Amino acid sequence: MATHRPLHLYDGRDGEGLAAWLRDHPEVKVICRDRSSGYGEGARVGAPQAEQVADRYRLWANLG
């Protein structure tokens, strides 16, 4: 987070694939995502230890 750059960008939109990727990377502690239900479910199942957050853009866009 000190570099303000993404560490990894997941290429896909389905929760099942994201969950599988996250299970292979148990070191993940924070997941910055949009409000896609697939991402939410994938993050919950694949990395229950991780905190899910929204970035500034998503927060602002969802206000409108």
PDB file of N, CA and C in Angstrom:
ATOM      1  N   MET A   1       0.811  -1.189   0.000  1.00  0.00           N
ATOM      2  CA  MET A   1       0.000   0.000   0.000  1.00  0.00           C
ATOM      3  C   MET A   1       0.859   1.259   0.000  1.00  0.00           C
ATOM      4  N   ALA A   2       2.086   1.137   0.406  1.00  0.00           N
ATOM      5  CA  ALA A   2       2.962   2.297   0.448  1.00  0.00           C
ATOM      6  C   ALA A   2       3.257   2.834  -0.951  1.00  0.00           C
ATOM      7  N   THR A   3       3.209   1.974  -1.968  1.00  0.00           N
ATOM      8  CA  THR A   3       3.505   2.407  -3.331  1.00  0.00           C
ATOM      9  C   THR A   3       2.285   2.981  -4.048  1.00  0.00           C
ATOM     10  N   HIS A   4       1.091   2.765  -3.479  1.00  0.00           N
ATOM     11  CA  HIS A   4      -0.167   3.214  -4.095  1.00  0.00           C
ATOM     12  C   HIS A   4      -0.378   2.580  -5.466  1.00  0.00           C
ATOM     13  N   ARG A   5       0.114   1.375  -5.630  1.00  0.00           N
ATOM     14  CA  ARG A   5      -0.029   0.649  -6.885  1.00  0.00           C
ATOM     15  C   ARG A   5      -0.652  -0.705  -6.608  1.00  0.00           C
ATOM     16  N   PRO A   6      -1.449  -1.215  -7.537  1.00  0.00           N
ATOM     17  CA  PRO A   6      -2.042  -2.548  -7.345  1.00  0.00           C
ATOM     18  C   PRO A   6      -0.950  -3.614  -7.253  1.00  0.00           C
ATOM     19  N   LEU A   7      -1.197  -4.616  -6.443  1.00  0.00           N
ATOM     20  CA  LEU A   7      -0.272  -5.734  -6.350  1.00  0.00           C
ATOM     21  C   LEU A   7      -0.632  -6.813  -7.355  1.00  0.00           C
ATOM     22  N   HIS A   8      -1.903  -6.944  -7.637  1.00  0.00           N
ATOM     23  CA  HIS A   8      -2.360  -7.911  -8.631  1.00  0.00           C
ATOM     24  C   HIS A   8      -3.736  -7.490  -9.133  1.00  0.00           C
ATOM     25  N   LEU A   9      -3.970  -7.633 -10.406  1.00  0.00           N
ATOM     26  CA  LEU A   9      -5.286  -7.406 -10.991  1.00  0.00           C
ATOM     27  C   LEU A   9      -5.815  -8.740 -11.468  1.00  0.00           C
ATOM     28  N   TYR A  10      -6.924  -9.172 -10.911  1.00  0.00           N
ATOM     29  CA  TYR A  10      -7.525 -10.445 -11.286  1.00  0.00           C
ATOM     30  C   TYR A  10      -8.221 -10.283 -12.628  1.00  0.00           C
ATOM     31  N   ASP A  11      -7.936 -11.175 -13.550  1.00  0.00           N
ATOM     32  CA  ASP A  11      -8.519 -11.114 -14.890  1.00  0.00           C
ATOM     33  C   ASP A  11      -9.682 -12.101 -14.974  1.00  0.00           C
ATOM     34  N   GLY A  12     -10.871 -11.618 -14.754  1.00  0.00           N
ATOM     35  CA  GLY A  12     -12.053 -12.474 -14.804  1.00  0.00           C
ATOM     36  C   GLY A  12     -13.216 -11.803 -14.093  1.00  0.00           C
ATOM     37  N   ARG A  13     -14.413 -12.357 -14.244  1.00  0.00           N
ATOM     38  CA  ARG A  13     -15.587 -11.774 -13.608  1.00  0.00           C
ATOM     39  C   ARG A  13     -16.379 -12.789 -12.794  1.00  0.00           C
ATOM     40  N   ASP A  14     -15.938 -14.044 -12.738  1.00  0.00           N
ATOM     41  CA  ASP A  14     -16.732 -15.038 -12.018  1.00  0.00           C
ATOM     42  C   ASP A  14     -16.156 -15.295 -10.632  1.00  0.00           C
ATOM     43  N   GLY A  15     -17.043 -15.525  -9.693  1.00  0.00           N
ATOM     44  CA  GLY A  15     -16.625 -15.735  -8.318  1.00  0.00           C
ATOM     45  C   GLY A  15     -15.877 -17.020  -8.097  1.00  0.00           C
ATOM     46  N   GLU A  16     -16.234 -18.056  -8.842  1.00  0.00           N
ATOM     47  CA  GLU A  16     -15.580 -19.352  -8.671  1.00  0.00           C
ATOM     48  C   GLU A  16     -14.088 -19.276  -9.007  1.00  0.00           C
ATOM     49  N   GLY A  17     -13.771 -18.627 -10.108  1.00  0.00           N
ATOM     50  CA  GLY A  17     -12.365 -18.472 -10.497  1.00  0.00           C
ATOM     51  C   GLY A  17     -11.592 -17.619  -9.512  1.00  0.00           C
ATOM     52  N   LEU A  18     -12.227 -16.559  -9.025  1.00  0.00           N
ATOM     53  CA  LEU A  18     -11.573 -15.692  -8.042  1.00  0.00           C
ATOM     54  C   LEU A  18     -11.325 -16.454  -6.743  1.00  0.00           C
ATOM     55  N   ALA A  19     -12.300 -17.223  -6.304  1.00  0.00           N
ATOM     56  CA  ALA A  19     -12.139 -18.002  -5.071  1.00  0.00           C
ATOM     57  C   ALA A  19     -10.966 -18.971  -5.205  1.00  0.00           C
ATOM     58  N   ALA A  20     -10.850 -19.623  -6.355  1.00  0.00           N
ATOM     59  CA  ALA A  20      -9.740 -20.556  -6.582  1.00  0.00           C
ATOM     60  C   ALA A  20      -8.405 -19.821  -6.537  1.00  0.00           C
ATOM     61  N   TRP A  21      -8.332 -18.655  -7.179  1.00  0.00           N
ATOM     62  CA  TRP A  21      -7.093 -17.878  -7.174  1.00  0.00           C
ATOM     63  C   TRP A  21      -6.731 -17.463  -5.746  1.00  0.00           C
ATOM     64  N   LEU A  22      -7.718 -17.019  -4.995  1.00  0.00           N
ATOM     65  CA  LEU A  22      -7.465 -16.573  -3.626  1.00  0.00           C
ATOM     66  C   LEU A  22      -7.028 -17.722  -2.717  1.00  0.00           C
ATOM     67  N   ARG A  23      -7.574 -18.906  -2.918  1.00  0.00           N
ATOM     68  CA  ARG A  23      -7.146 -20.059  -2.111  1.00  0.00           C
ATOM     69  C   ARG A  23      -5.662 -20.372  -2.350  1.00  0.00           C
ATOM     70  N   ASP A  24      -5.182 -20.080  -3.555  1.00  0.00           N
ATOM     71  CA  ASP A  24      -3.762 -20.285  -3.864  1.00  0.00           C
ATOM     72  C   ASP A  24      -2.881 -19.168  -3.325  1.00  0.00           C
ATOM     73  N   HIS A  25      -3.494 -18.102  -2.826  1.00  0.00           N
ATOM     74  CA  HIS A  25      -2.756 -16.941  -2.296  1.00  0.00           C
ATOM     75  C   HIS A  25      -3.300 -16.575  -0.910  1.00  0.00           C
ATOM     76  N   PRO A  26      -3.050 -17.413   0.094  1.00  0.00           N
ATOM     77  CA  PRO A  26      -3.607 -17.173   1.428  1.00  0.00           C
ATOM     78  C   PRO A  26      -3.042 -15.935   2.125  1.00  0.00           C
ATOM     79  N   GLU A  27      -2.016 -15.340   1.550  1.00  0.00           N
ATOM     80  CA  GLU A  27      -1.426 -14.138   2.151  1.00  0.00           C
ATOM     81  C   GLU A  27      -2.258 -12.881   1.914  1.00  0.00           C
ATOM     82  N   VAL A  28      -3.288 -12.970   1.066  1.00  0.00           N
ATOM     83  CA  VAL A  28      -4.126 -11.807   0.759  1.00  0.00           C
ATOM     84  C   VAL A  28      -4.880 -11.375   2.014  1.00  0.00           C
ATOM     85  N   LYS A  29      -4.746 -10.091   2.353  1.00  0.00           N
ATOM     86  CA  LYS A  29      -5.391  -9.546   3.541  1.00  0.00           C
ATOM     87  C   LYS A  29      -6.465  -8.515   3.210  1.00  0.00           C
ATOM     88  N   VAL A  30      -6.332  -7.845   2.059  1.00  0.00           N
ATOM     89  CA  VAL A  30      -7.287  -6.811   1.655  1.00  0.00           C
ATOM     90  C   VAL A  30      -7.638  -7.017   0.184  1.00  0.00           C
ATOM     91  N   ILE A  31      -8.937  -6.961  -0.118  1.00  0.00           N
ATOM     92  CA  ILE A  31      -9.410  -7.087  -1.491  1.00  0.00           C
ATOM     93  C   ILE A  31     -10.202  -5.829  -1.821  1.00  0.00           C
ATOM     94  N   CYS A  32      -9.704  -5.075  -2.783  1.00  0.00           N
ATOM     95  CA  CYS A  32     -10.396  -3.877  -3.245  1.00  0.00           C
ATOM     96  C   CYS A  32     -11.187  -4.278  -4.486  1.00  0.00           C
ATOM     97  N   ARG A  33     -12.514  -4.143  -4.428  1.00  0.00           N
ATOM     98  CA  ARG A  33     -13.345  -4.667  -5.509  1.00  0.00           C
ATOM     99  C   ARG A  33     -14.539  -3.762  -5.766  1.00  0.00           C
ATOM    100  N   ASP A  34     -15.210  -4.024  -6.901  1.00  0.00           N
ATOM    101  CA  ASP A  34     -16.459  -3.327  -7.170  1.00  0.00           C
ATOM    102  C   ASP A  34     -17.590  -4.106  -6.497  1.00  0.00           C
ATOM    103  N   ARG A  35     -18.821  -3.720  -6.771  1.00  0.00           N
ATOM    104  CA  ARG A  35     -19.957  -4.327  -6.083  1.00  0.00           C
ATOM    105  C   ARG A  35     -20.496  -5.570  -6.773  1.00  0.00           C
ATOM    106  N   SER A  36     -19.769  -6.128  -7.692  1.00  0.00           N
ATOM    107  CA  SER A  36     -20.187  -7.340  -8.379  1.00  0.00           C
ATOM    108  C   SER A  36     -20.443  -8.457  -7.365  1.00  0.00           C
ATOM    109  N   SER A  37     -21.596  -9.091  -7.473  1.00  0.00           N
ATOM    110  CA  SER A  37     -21.913 -10.170  -6.538  1.00  0.00           C
ATOM    111  C   SER A  37     -20.957 -11.338  -6.712  1.00  0.00           C
ATOM    112  N   GLY A  38     -20.503 -11.575  -7.945  1.00  0.00           N
ATOM    113  CA  GLY A  38     -19.542 -12.649  -8.184  1.00  0.00           C
ATOM    114  C   GLY A  38     -18.240 -12.414  -7.449  1.00  0.00           C
ATOM    115  N   TYR A  39     -17.738 -11.195  -7.493  1.00  0.00           N
ATOM    116  CA  TYR A  39     -16.510 -10.864  -6.770  1.00  0.00           C
ATOM    117  C   TYR A  39     -16.715 -10.999  -5.257  1.00  0.00           C
ATOM    118  N   GLY A  40     -17.834 -10.520  -4.778  1.00  0.00           N
ATOM    119  CA  GLY A  40     -18.105 -10.597  -3.342  1.00  0.00           C
ATOM    120  C   GLY A  40     -18.135 -12.026  -2.840  1.00  0.00           C
ATOM    121  N   GLU A  41     -18.841 -12.883  -3.553  1.00  0.00           N
ATOM    122  CA  GLU A  41     -18.925 -14.286  -3.166  1.00  0.00           C
ATOM    123  C   GLU A  41     -17.573 -14.972  -3.296  1.00  0.00           C
ATOM    124  N   GLY A  42     -16.873 -14.705  -4.391  1.00  0.00           N
ATOM    125  CA  GLY A  42     -15.552 -15.303  -4.579  1.00  0.00           C
ATOM    126  C   GLY A  42     -14.580 -14.902  -3.486  1.00  0.00           C
ATOM    127  N   ALA A  43     -14.617 -13.643  -3.101  1.00  0.00           N
ATOM    128  CA  ALA A  43     -13.736 -13.155  -2.037  1.00  0.00           C
ATOM    129  C   ALA A  43     -14.116 -13.780  -0.697  1.00  0.00           C
ATOM    130  N   ARG A  44     -15.403 -13.871  -0.429  1.00  0.00           N
ATOM    131  CA  ARG A  44     -15.863 -14.439   0.842  1.00  0.00           C
ATOM    132  C   ARG A  44     -15.460 -15.908   0.968  1.00  0.00           C
ATOM    133  N   VAL A  45     -15.627 -16.657  -0.114  1.00  0.00           N
ATOM    134  CA  VAL A  45     -15.323 -18.092  -0.094  1.00  0.00           C
ATOM    135  C   VAL A  45     -13.812 -18.349  -0.163  1.00  0.00           C
ATOM    136  N   GLY A  46     -13.115 -17.635  -1.037  1.00  0.00           N
ATOM    137  CA  GLY A  46     -11.701 -17.896  -1.265  1.00  0.00           C
ATOM    138  C   GLY A  46     -10.759 -17.302  -0.251  1.00  0.00           C
ATOM    139  N   ALA A  47     -11.176 -16.209   0.389  1.00  0.00           N
ATOM    140  CA  ALA A  47     -10.298 -15.536   1.364  1.00  0.00           C
ATOM    141  C   ALA A  47     -11.130 -14.973   2.511  1.00  0.00           C
ATOM    142  N   PRO A  48     -11.702 -15.843   3.332  1.00  0.00           N
ATOM    143  CA  PRO A  48     -12.540 -15.340   4.426  1.00  0.00           C
ATOM    144  C   PRO A  48     -11.778 -14.460   5.415  1.00  0.00           C
ATOM    145  N   GLN A  49     -10.453 -14.564   5.430  1.00  0.00           N
ATOM    146  CA  GLN A  49      -9.631 -13.753   6.328  1.00  0.00           C
ATOM    147  C   GLN A  49      -9.431 -12.336   5.810  1.00  0.00           C
ATOM    148  N   ALA A  50      -9.706 -12.097   4.532  1.00  0.00           N
ATOM    149  CA  ALA A  50      -9.420 -10.800   3.912  1.00  0.00           C
ATOM    150  C   ALA A  50     -10.554  -9.802   4.151  1.00  0.00           C
ATOM    151  N   GLU A  51     -10.163  -8.566   4.286  1.00  0.00           N
ATOM    152  CA  GLU A  51     -11.127  -7.466   4.394  1.00  0.00           C
ATOM    153  C   GLU A  51     -11.456  -6.998   2.979  1.00  0.00           C
ATOM    154  N   GLN A  52     -12.753  -6.830   2.690  1.00  0.00           N
ATOM    155  CA  GLN A  52     -13.178  -6.351   1.375  1.00  0.00           C
ATOM    156  C   GLN A  52     -13.461  -4.858   1.481  1.00  0.00           C
ATOM    157  N   VAL A  53     -12.860  -4.087   0.584  1.00  0.00           N
ATOM    158  CA  VAL A  53     -13.012  -2.632   0.605  1.00  0.00           C
ATOM    159  C   VAL A  53     -13.342  -2.119  -0.795  1.00  0.00           C
ATOM    160  N   ALA A  54     -13.859  -0.903  -0.843  1.00  0.00           N
ATOM    161  CA  ALA A  54     -14.109  -0.221  -2.110  1.00  0.00           C
ATOM    162  C   ALA A  54     -13.125   0.932  -2.238  1.00  0.00           C
ATOM    163  N   ASP A  55     -12.650   1.175  -3.454  1.00  0.00           N
ATOM    164  CA  ASP A  55     -11.745   2.303  -3.653  1.00  0.00           C
ATOM    165  C   ASP A  55     -12.536   3.603  -3.754  1.00  0.00           C
ATOM    166  N   ARG A  56     -11.833   4.725  -3.787  1.00  0.00           N
ATOM    167  CA  ARG A  56     -12.484   6.034  -3.828  1.00  0.00           C
ATOM    168  C   ARG A  56     -13.409   6.188  -5.030  1.00  0.00           C
ATOM    169  N   TYR A  57     -12.965   5.681  -6.174  1.00  0.00           N
ATOM    170  CA  TYR A  57     -13.805   5.787  -7.372  1.00  0.00           C
ATOM    171  C   TYR A  57     -15.139   5.087  -7.154  1.00  0.00           C
ATOM    172  N   ARG A  58     -15.110   3.864  -6.646  1.00  0.00           N
ATOM    173  CA  ARG A  58     -16.347   3.100  -6.438  1.00  0.00           C
ATOM    174  C   ARG A  58     -17.250   3.796  -5.430  1.00  0.00           C
ATOM    175  N   LEU A  59     -16.688   4.319  -4.377  1.00  0.00           N
ATOM    176  CA  LEU A  59     -17.503   5.023  -3.388  1.00  0.00           C
ATOM    177  C   LEU A  59     -18.199   6.232  -4.014  1.00  0.00           C
ATOM    178  N   TRP A  60     -17.452   7.005  -4.762  1.00  0.00           N
ATOM    179  CA  TRP A  60     -18.010   8.196  -5.402  1.00  0.00           C
ATOM    180  C   TRP A  60     -19.049   7.812  -6.452  1.00  0.00           C
ATOM    181  N   ALA A  61     -18.750   6.838  -7.282  1.00  0.00           N
ATOM    182  CA  ALA A  61     -19.663   6.420  -8.356  1.00  0.00           C
ATOM    183  C   ALA A  61     -20.963   5.859  -7.773  1.00  0.00           C
ATOM    184  N   ASN A  62     -20.885   5.174  -6.651  1.00  0.00           N
ATOM    185  CA  ASN A  62     -22.067   4.587  -6.070  1.00  0.00           C
ATOM    186  C   ASN A  62     -22.944   5.605  -5.345  1.00  0.00           C
ATOM    187  N   LEU A  63     -22.412   6.772  -5.083  1.00  0.00           N
ATOM    188  CA  LEU A  63     -23.226   7.830  -4.484  1.00  0.00           C
ATOM    189  C   LEU A  63     -24.229   8.410  -5.466  1.00  0.00           C
ATOM    190  N   GLY A  64     -23.878   8.329  -6.764  1.00  0.00           N
ATOM    191  CA  GLY A  64     -24.704   8.949  -7.797  1.00  0.00           C
ATOM    192  C   GLY A  64     -25.831   8.151  -8.299  1.00  0.00           C
TER     193      GLY A  64
END
